Amino acid sequence: MGTGWNGDAGVDMKGQVYSLIVVVIMIPLLLFILFYLTTIQSIKYSSIERVIADQMHEVGKSMEEDFSRAVEISCKRAVLSVTNYIVLEGEFMENASAVIAELMNNGTMNGNQSVLMITNTLPDWKNKITDISTGFNTFFNYSKLSLSNYDGIHINVSSILVMNISENLNISKIDRVFEKDVLVSVEGFEDPIFPLNSMGYVKRIIKTYPFRHHAVKIVTGNGNGNCSGNVTFNSTDTGADKILVTHNGSGIAGFGGVVSETADTPAVACYITGASDAINNAGSIVNNSGYMKVYLDDQTDSLWYLPLIEYLDYYSRFNTSGPDFIKRLEGNLSESVNGMETFVIEEPGIPVKVNQSRIDYLYFSNNTYNGNRVRYFPEWFRIDAANAAKYNLTDLVEI
């Protein structure tokens, strides 16, 4: 009996082989698709998290910046309230920092409401900040408000900020507790030291001295005569009110004064010759400052730059100086680290103190600080030896 061929069985075997091949091919494909979908989903959610985190960061940054502006506005309002009170009532504050902080926090001065602080306290501003719709859950608050001197002209306002930002899906959140310092300028406010020491006659507004130097001996040579004028480096730019600085001044006329690097003598009565590198030194000083007036002084045989003469009512700052603004609100005339000082100008209402140094906190003190005249400064101007050295005026002091 012969063996028969089973065609169906062969077909089944081939089908199984094909099925196996398909499975073998599909498994990697399915794995790839699964990996792709998982990765895409992961990237999608990662991108969403980054977008939300970036938006939260911007919201937090805006809240912090808004608070800084709020501090500046509130503090300036409080300072104005305090200075107005001092000038009108004729009495200084016992603790100016605490009074300003009270005004910023509560809108009151010693418990009395200040009109200037209405809607401008820090709680008012905090509510304005948190009332802004951001699309997130936000909490923002401040505490431990304090004020201190920074550099005489600026008050440092310090506080602790609490900031919480979250969203309903809990994908991202911000929780911060940090110290925030804001510098508030008092430039443009009235210095209460002056009206309270002049029976209310003198009003002095705080303005920062605008130049780097108060007095500079630019060059030294062989001098003859005293004169002053605006500096020029052009020998054809003549004028009796001008000082020519040039390399060779031989025979040059038509100027109020001439400064020459060579020893050649110009045809003017007021000059300095043999002033090494005068063009570079004078150009560097006046061009960088924009203040052009210079002085030829035959007692020191030098060319001087003295912008202080025209800016005596401005305030200068030194490492050790006069009382800072907070001390001035308290009537405290003691020196400060990083304070400020100005000069007492001769005007109606200023008490006459013969030969007293005109540094403001020295002049208004109850002590005697003898001062001497300084060449080219007003006749009434006096300065003590220590401050003459600080302002670089020692060589111009007349003993």
Protein backbone atom coordinates (compact mmCIF):
# COMPACT_ATOMS: atom_id res chain seq x y z
CA MET A 1 0.00 0.00 0.00
CA GLY A 2 1.70 3.15 -1.12
CA THR A 3 2.19 6.23 0.96
CA GLY A 4 -0.06 9.11 -0.17
CA TRP A 5 0.93 12.82 -0.33
CA ASN A 6 -0.95 14.98 2.14
CA GLY A 7 -1.20 18.36 0.43
CA ASP A 8 -3.20 20.02 3.23
CA ALA A 9 -0.60 19.17 5.83
CA GLY A 10 2.08 20.82 3.71
CA VAL A 11 0.00 23.91 3.38
CA ASP A 12 -0.55 23.99 7.15
CA MET A 13 3.16 23.74 7.79
CA LYS A 14 3.85 26.55 5.37
CA GLY A 15 1.17 28.66 7.04
CA GLN A 16 2.74 28.08 10.43
CA VAL A 17 6.13 29.15 9.07
CA TYR A 18 4.66 32.27 7.57
CA SER A 19 2.82 33.06 10.79
CA LEU A 20 6.05 32.63 12.74
CA ILE A 21 7.87 34.95 10.37
CA VAL A 22 5.13 37.56 10.74
CA VAL A 23 5.31 37.28 14.53
CA VAL A 24 9.09 37.63 14.43
CA ILE A 25 8.78 40.72 12.27
CA MET A 26 5.91 42.24 14.24
CA ILE A 27 7.46 41.91 17.69
CA PRO A 28 10.26 44.45 17.01
CA LEU A 29 7.81 46.64 15.15
CA LEU A 30 5.37 46.59 18.05
CA LEU A 31 8.21 47.26 20.48
CA PHE A 32 9.35 50.18 18.36
CA ILE A 33 5.82 51.61 18.19
CA LEU A 34 5.38 51.17 21.94
CA PHE A 35 8.75 52.85 22.62
CA TYR A 36 7.92 55.66 20.20
CA LEU A 37 4.53 56.33 21.75
CA THR A 38 6.00 56.21 25.28
CA THR A 39 8.83 58.55 24.31
CA ILE A 40 6.54 60.97 22.53
CA GLN A 41 4.24 60.99 25.55
CA SER A 42 7.22 61.57 27.85
CA ILE A 43 8.50 64.42 25.67
CA LYS A 44 4.99 65.86 25.53
CA TYR A 45 4.61 65.87 29.29
CA SER A 46 8.21 67.14 29.73
CA SER A 47 7.47 70.04 27.37
CA ILE A 48 4.29 70.88 29.27
CA GLU A 49 6.19 70.84 32.56
CA ARG A 50 8.82 73.18 31.15
CA VAL A 51 6.20 75.59 29.82
CA ILE A 52 4.38 75.65 33.16
CA ALA A 53 7.65 76.02 35.11
CA ASP A 54 8.74 78.90 32.83
CA GLN A 55 5.38 80.63 33.27
CA MET A 56 5.59 80.22 37.04
CA HIS A 57 9.11 81.63 37.00
CA GLU A 58 7.92 84.70 35.07
CA VAL A 59 5.01 85.19 37.48
CA GLY A 60 7.37 84.96 40.45
CA LYS A 61 9.82 87.37 38.84
CA SER A 62 7.02 89.85 38.14
CA MET A 63 5.75 89.65 41.72
CA GLU A 64 9.25 90.28 43.08
CA GLU A 65 9.82 93.23 40.72
CA ASP A 66 6.41 94.70 41.55
CA PHE A 67 7.23 94.45 45.24
CA SER A 68 10.53 96.28 44.71
CA ARG A 69 8.69 99.11 42.97
CA ALA A 70 6.09 99.11 45.73
CA VAL A 71 8.83 99.44 48.36
CA GLU A 72 10.34 102.39 46.53
CA ILE A 73 7.01 104.20 46.16
CA SER A 74 5.90 103.50 49.73
CA CYS A 75 9.26 104.43 51.22
CA LYS A 76 9.45 107.72 49.33
CA ARG A 77 5.93 108.60 50.45
CA ALA A 78 6.92 107.81 54.03
CA VAL A 79 10.11 109.89 53.80
CA LEU A 80 8.12 112.82 52.42
CA SER A 81 5.67 112.49 55.32
CA VAL A 82 8.52 112.51 57.83
CA THR A 83 10.41 115.46 56.33
CA ASN A 84 7.22 117.51 56.03
CA TYR A 85 6.45 116.84 59.70
CA ILE A 86 9.96 117.79 60.84
CA VAL A 87 10.02 121.04 58.86
CA LEU A 88 6.48 122.09 59.82
CA GLU A 89 6.68 121.09 63.49
CA GLY A 90 10.31 122.07 63.99
CA GLU A 91 11.29 118.86 65.75
CA PHE A 92 13.37 115.87 64.70
CA MET A 93 12.41 112.19 64.91
CA GLU A 94 13.64 110.04 67.79
CA ASN A 95 13.89 106.88 65.69
CA ALA A 96 13.51 107.76 62.03
CA SER A 97 13.88 104.19 60.73
CA ALA A 98 11.09 102.94 62.95
CA VAL A 99 8.81 105.85 61.99
CA ILE A 100 9.34 105.25 58.26
CA ALA A 101 8.70 101.52 58.75
CA GLU A 102 5.48 102.29 60.63
CA LEU A 103 4.32 104.53 57.81
CA MET A 104 5.11 101.87 55.21
CA ASN A 105 3.37 99.14 57.21
CA ASN A 106 0.39 100.96 58.68
CA GLY A 107 0.21 104.38 57.04
CA THR A 108 0.54 106.03 60.45
CA MET A 109 3.12 108.18 62.21
CA ASN A 110 3.14 107.64 65.94
CA GLY A 111 -0.36 106.25 65.55
CA ASN A 112 -1.71 109.16 63.51
CA GLN A 113 -2.88 108.55 59.95
CA SER A 114 -0.76 110.14 57.20
CA VAL A 115 -2.69 111.41 54.18
CA LEU A 116 0.29 110.75 51.92
CA MET A 117 0.21 107.03 52.74
CA ILE A 118 -3.41 106.38 51.81
CA THR A 119 -3.43 103.41 49.37
CA ASN A 120 0.37 103.47 49.39
CA THR A 121 1.29 101.26 52.33
CA LEU A 122 3.05 97.97 51.62
CA PRO A 123 -0.06 95.93 52.55
CA ASP A 124 -1.98 98.01 49.99
CA TRP A 125 0.59 97.21 47.34
CA LYS A 126 0.80 93.56 48.38
CA ASN A 127 -2.95 93.21 47.83
CA LYS A 128 -2.65 94.86 44.41
CA ILE A 129 0.06 92.37 43.47
CA THR A 130 -1.86 89.28 44.62
CA ASP A 131 -5.14 90.46 43.08
CA ILE A 132 -3.67 90.20 39.58
CA SER A 133 -4.99 87.08 37.82
CA THR A 134 -2.11 84.82 36.77
CA GLY A 135 -3.83 81.48 36.11
CA PHE A 136 -1.97 79.97 39.09
CA ASN A 137 -2.61 79.65 42.79
CA THR A 138 -0.44 82.35 44.39
CA PHE A 139 0.49 83.41 47.89
CA PHE A 140 2.75 86.40 48.53
CA ASN A 141 3.64 88.18 51.75
CA TYR A 142 6.44 90.09 53.49
CA SER A 143 7.66 90.43 57.07
CA LYS A 144 10.46 91.90 59.22
CA LEU A 145 10.64 95.23 57.40
CA SER A 146 13.72 97.25 58.40
CA LEU A 147 15.61 100.30 57.14
CA SER A 148 19.27 101.25 57.32
CA ASN A 149 21.75 103.60 55.68
CA TYR A 150 23.43 102.32 52.54
CA ASP A 151 25.64 105.13 51.24
CA GLY A 152 24.19 108.35 52.63
CA ILE A 153 22.07 109.04 49.56
CA HIS A 154 20.31 105.64 49.57
CA ILE A 155 18.28 103.87 52.23
CA ASN A 156 18.40 100.08 52.22
CA VAL A 157 14.92 98.63 52.84
CA SER A 158 15.13 94.98 53.86
CA SER A 159 12.35 92.42 54.32
CA ILE A 160 11.65 88.68 54.25
CA LEU A 161 9.46 87.58 51.34
CA VAL A 162 7.34 84.42 51.18
CA MET A 163 6.25 83.32 47.72
CA ASN A 164 4.18 80.24 46.83
CA ILE A 165 3.00 79.51 43.29
CA SER A 166 1.23 76.28 42.27
CA GLU A 167 -1.32 74.89 39.79
CA ASN A 168 -4.13 72.39 40.14
CA LEU A 169 -2.40 69.48 38.34
CA ASN A 170 0.62 69.65 40.67
CA ILE A 171 2.96 69.47 37.69
CA SER A 172 5.18 72.26 39.04
CA LYS A 173 5.34 74.67 42.01
CA ILE A 174 7.48 77.40 43.55
CA ASP A 175 8.08 77.72 47.30
CA ARG A 176 10.48 80.50 48.29
CA VAL A 177 11.38 82.29 51.51
CA PHE A 178 14.13 84.84 50.96
CA GLU A 179 15.52 88.20 52.04
CA LYS A 180 14.88 91.12 49.72
CA ASP A 181 16.89 94.37 49.78
CA VAL A 182 15.68 97.45 47.91
CA LEU A 183 17.76 100.63 47.63
CA VAL A 184 15.70 103.82 47.76
CA SER A 185 17.30 107.12 46.76
CA VAL A 186 16.57 110.21 48.86
CA GLU A 187 17.88 112.56 46.18
CA GLY A 188 15.36 115.35 45.63
CA PHE A 189 14.13 115.34 49.24
CA GLU A 190 14.70 118.21 51.65
CA ASP A 191 17.50 117.96 54.18
CA PRO A 192 15.82 118.90 57.51
CA ILE A 193 19.16 119.92 59.07
CA PHE A 194 19.08 123.24 57.19
CA PRO A 195 15.60 124.65 57.95
CA LEU A 196 15.85 123.64 61.60
CA ASN A 197 19.22 125.41 61.90
CA SER A 198 18.17 128.57 60.05
CA MET A 199 14.83 129.33 61.69
CA GLY A 200 13.11 127.91 58.64
CA TYR A 201 14.74 130.33 56.17
CA VAL A 202 16.99 127.92 54.29
CA LYS A 203 15.71 125.02 52.22
CA ARG A 204 18.33 122.58 50.96
CA ILE A 205 17.39 119.86 48.48
CA ILE A 206 19.63 116.81 48.36
CA LYS A 207 21.55 116.62 45.07
CA THR A 208 24.47 114.29 44.49
CA TYR A 209 27.77 115.92 43.57
CA PRO A 210 28.07 115.20 39.83
CA PHE A 211 31.82 114.83 39.33
CA ARG A 212 34.40 112.26 40.31
CA HIS A 213 36.86 114.84 41.65
CA HIS A 214 36.40 117.91 43.83
CA ALA A 215 39.85 119.44 43.22
CA VAL A 216 42.75 118.23 41.09
CA LYS A 217 46.20 119.68 40.61
CA ILE A 218 46.47 118.86 36.91
CA VAL A 219 50.08 119.84 36.13
CA THR A 220 52.93 121.79 37.72
CA GLY A 221 55.60 123.91 36.04
CA ASN A 222 56.96 127.44 36.25
CA GLY A 223 54.08 129.79 36.91
CA ASN A 224 53.44 133.49 36.61
CA GLY A 225 50.21 135.19 37.64
CA ASN A 226 46.74 133.96 38.62
CA CYS A 227 43.88 133.55 36.16
CA SER A 228 41.02 131.26 35.25
CA GLY A 229 38.87 130.36 32.28
CA ASN A 230 37.54 127.57 30.11
CA VAL A 231 40.29 125.35 28.77
CA THR A 232 40.97 125.07 25.04
CA PHE A 233 43.56 123.13 23.06
CA ASN A 234 43.11 125.15 19.87
CA SER A 235 45.59 128.02 19.45
CA THR A 236 43.17 129.84 17.11
CA ASP A 237 40.29 129.68 19.63
CA THR A 238 41.33 132.92 21.31
CA GLY A 239 39.60 134.84 24.10
CA ALA A 240 40.42 136.60 27.35
CA ASP A 241 38.17 134.12 29.18
CA LYS A 242 40.06 131.07 27.86
CA ILE A 243 43.10 129.12 29.00
CA LEU A 244 45.14 127.57 26.18
CA VAL A 245 46.92 124.30 26.90
CA THR A 246 49.52 123.65 24.21
CA HIS A 247 52.87 122.00 23.53
CA ASN A 248 54.83 125.16 22.70
CA GLY A 249 53.48 128.50 23.85
CA SER A 250 56.27 130.65 22.48
CA GLY A 251 54.94 134.13 21.65
CA ILE A 252 51.27 133.07 21.85
CA ALA A 253 48.85 135.89 22.75
CA GLY A 254 45.11 136.45 22.82
CA PHE A 255 44.31 134.22 25.82
CA GLY A 256 43.62 134.83 29.47
CA GLY A 257 46.34 132.32 30.25
CA VAL A 258 48.61 129.77 28.59
CA VAL A 259 49.91 126.43 29.82
CA SER A 260 52.87 125.16 27.83
CA GLU A 261 54.73 121.85 27.91
CA THR A 262 57.96 123.54 26.76
CA ALA A 263 59.91 126.22 28.61
CA ASP A 264 59.19 128.85 25.94
CA THR A 265 57.42 131.95 27.25
CA PRO A 266 54.05 133.04 25.78
CA ALA A 267 53.07 136.69 25.19
CA VAL A 268 50.54 136.80 28.05
CA ALA A 269 50.85 137.87 31.68
CA CYS A 270 49.45 134.65 33.17
CA TYR A 271 51.11 131.39 32.22
CA ILE A 272 52.72 128.14 33.25
CA THR A 273 55.66 126.77 31.27
CA GLY A 274 57.52 123.46 31.47
CA ALA A 275 54.32 121.61 32.41
CA SER A 276 55.12 118.05 31.35
CA ASP A 277 52.35 116.17 29.52
CA ALA A 278 49.91 119.04 30.08
CA ILE A 279 47.80 118.31 27.00
CA ASN A 280 47.10 114.69 27.94
CA ASN A 281 46.55 115.41 31.64
CA ALA A 282 44.26 118.40 31.12
CA GLY A 283 42.39 116.70 28.29
CA SER A 284 41.76 113.60 30.36
CA ILE A 285 40.35 115.56 33.30
CA VAL A 286 38.08 118.03 31.52
CA ASN A 287 36.91 115.81 28.66
CA ASN A 288 35.87 112.98 30.97
CA SER A 289 33.90 115.32 33.24
CA GLY A 290 32.56 117.93 30.82
CA TYR A 291 33.53 120.67 33.29
CA MET A 292 35.89 122.96 31.37
CA LYS A 293 36.96 125.67 33.81
CA VAL A 294 40.56 125.62 35.11
CA TYR A 295 42.70 127.88 37.33
CA LEU A 296 46.33 128.95 37.00
CA ASP A 297 47.83 129.44 40.46
CA ASP A 298 51.28 131.02 40.79
CA GLN A 299 51.68 130.08 44.47
CA THR A 300 51.69 126.40 43.58
CA ASP A 301 52.92 126.93 39.97
CA SER A 302 50.08 124.64 38.96
CA LEU A 303 46.99 124.28 36.79
CA TRP A 304 43.95 123.38 38.92
CA TYR A 305 40.59 121.80 38.21
CA LEU A 306 38.10 123.03 40.86
CA PRO A 307 34.47 122.17 40.01
CA LEU A 308 33.64 122.11 43.74
CA ILE A 309 33.55 125.93 43.70
CA GLU A 310 30.30 125.93 41.71
CA TYR A 311 28.75 122.92 43.45
CA LEU A 312 29.06 123.75 47.14
CA ASP A 313 25.35 123.08 47.74
CA TYR A 314 25.61 119.52 46.39
CA TYR A 315 26.21 116.47 48.57
CA SER A 316 29.41 114.44 48.48
CA ARG A 317 29.99 110.93 49.82
CA PHE A 318 33.09 109.47 51.43
CA ASN A 319 33.90 106.28 53.33
CA THR A 320 33.79 108.35 56.51
CA SER A 321 31.62 111.40 56.14
CA GLY A 322 28.86 113.47 57.66
CA PRO A 323 25.54 112.13 58.93
CA ASP A 324 23.58 109.93 56.56
CA PHE A 325 19.98 110.83 55.70
CA ILE A 326 18.43 108.78 58.51
CA LYS A 327 20.63 110.55 61.07
CA ARG A 328 19.65 113.90 59.57
CA LEU A 329 15.99 113.08 60.17
CA GLU A 330 16.94 112.58 63.83
CA GLY A 331 19.02 115.77 64.09
CA ASN A 332 22.09 113.63 64.73
CA LEU A 333 25.20 115.51 63.53
CA SER A 334 27.73 112.77 64.20
CA GLU A 335 29.86 111.25 61.46
CA SER A 336 28.70 108.17 59.56
CA VAL A 337 30.37 105.36 57.73
CA ASN A 338 29.28 105.96 54.12
CA GLY A 339 27.44 109.16 54.99
CA MET A 340 27.11 112.42 53.11
CA GLU A 341 28.01 116.06 53.58
CA THR A 342 27.65 119.45 51.96
CA PHE A 343 28.68 123.04 52.68
CA VAL A 344 26.84 125.83 54.47
CA ILE A 345 26.55 128.75 52.06
CA GLU A 346 26.34 132.33 53.27
CA GLU A 347 22.67 133.30 52.95
CA PRO A 348 19.91 134.91 55.05
CA GLY A 349 18.96 132.84 58.08
CA ILE A 350 22.35 131.14 58.46
CA PRO A 351 23.91 131.90 61.86
CA VAL A 352 27.22 133.74 61.62
CA LYS A 353 30.13 131.71 62.97
CA VAL A 354 33.38 133.50 62.19
CA ASN A 355 36.12 131.21 60.85
CA GLN A 356 34.02 128.10 61.46
CA SER A 357 34.56 125.28 58.94
CA ARG A 358 31.68 125.32 56.43
CA ILE A 359 31.28 121.54 56.34
CA ASP A 360 27.58 121.36 57.24
CA TYR A 361 27.61 118.99 60.21
CA LEU A 362 30.60 120.83 61.71
CA TYR A 363 29.16 124.30 61.14
CA PHE A 364 25.83 123.47 62.77
CA SER A 365 27.37 121.67 65.73
CA ASN A 366 27.86 123.22 69.16
CA ASN A 367 31.63 122.76 68.93
CA THR A 368 34.23 125.00 67.35
CA TYR A 369 35.98 123.75 64.21
CA ASN A 370 38.30 126.47 62.96
CA GLY A 371 38.71 126.77 59.22
CA ASN A 372 40.84 128.78 56.82
CA ARG A 373 40.20 130.53 53.53
CA VAL A 374 40.87 128.74 50.26
CA ARG A 375 42.11 130.59 47.18
CA TYR A 376 39.52 131.03 44.38
CA PHE A 377 36.64 130.05 46.68
CA PRO A 378 34.10 132.63 47.96
CA GLU A 379 35.38 135.03 50.62
CA TRP A 380 33.15 133.52 53.32
CA PHE A 381 34.29 129.94 52.61
CA ARG A 382 36.30 128.24 55.36
CA ILE A 383 37.48 124.65 55.75
CA ASP A 384 39.35 122.80 58.48
CA ALA A 385 42.65 121.03 57.81
CA ALA A 386 41.28 117.47 57.92
CA ASN A 387 38.54 118.18 55.41
CA ALA A 388 40.83 120.29 53.23
CA ALA A 389 42.95 117.17 52.82
CA LYS A 390 39.86 115.06 52.06
CA TYR A 391 38.76 117.47 49.31
CA ASN A 392 42.36 117.85 48.04
CA LEU A 393 42.42 121.58 48.86
CA THR A 394 45.38 121.65 51.26
CA ASP A 395 47.77 123.37 48.79
CA LEU A 396 45.24 126.15 48.20
CA VAL A 397 44.53 126.87 51.87
CA GLU A 398 45.68 130.27 53.10
CA ILE A 399 47.06 130.10 56.61
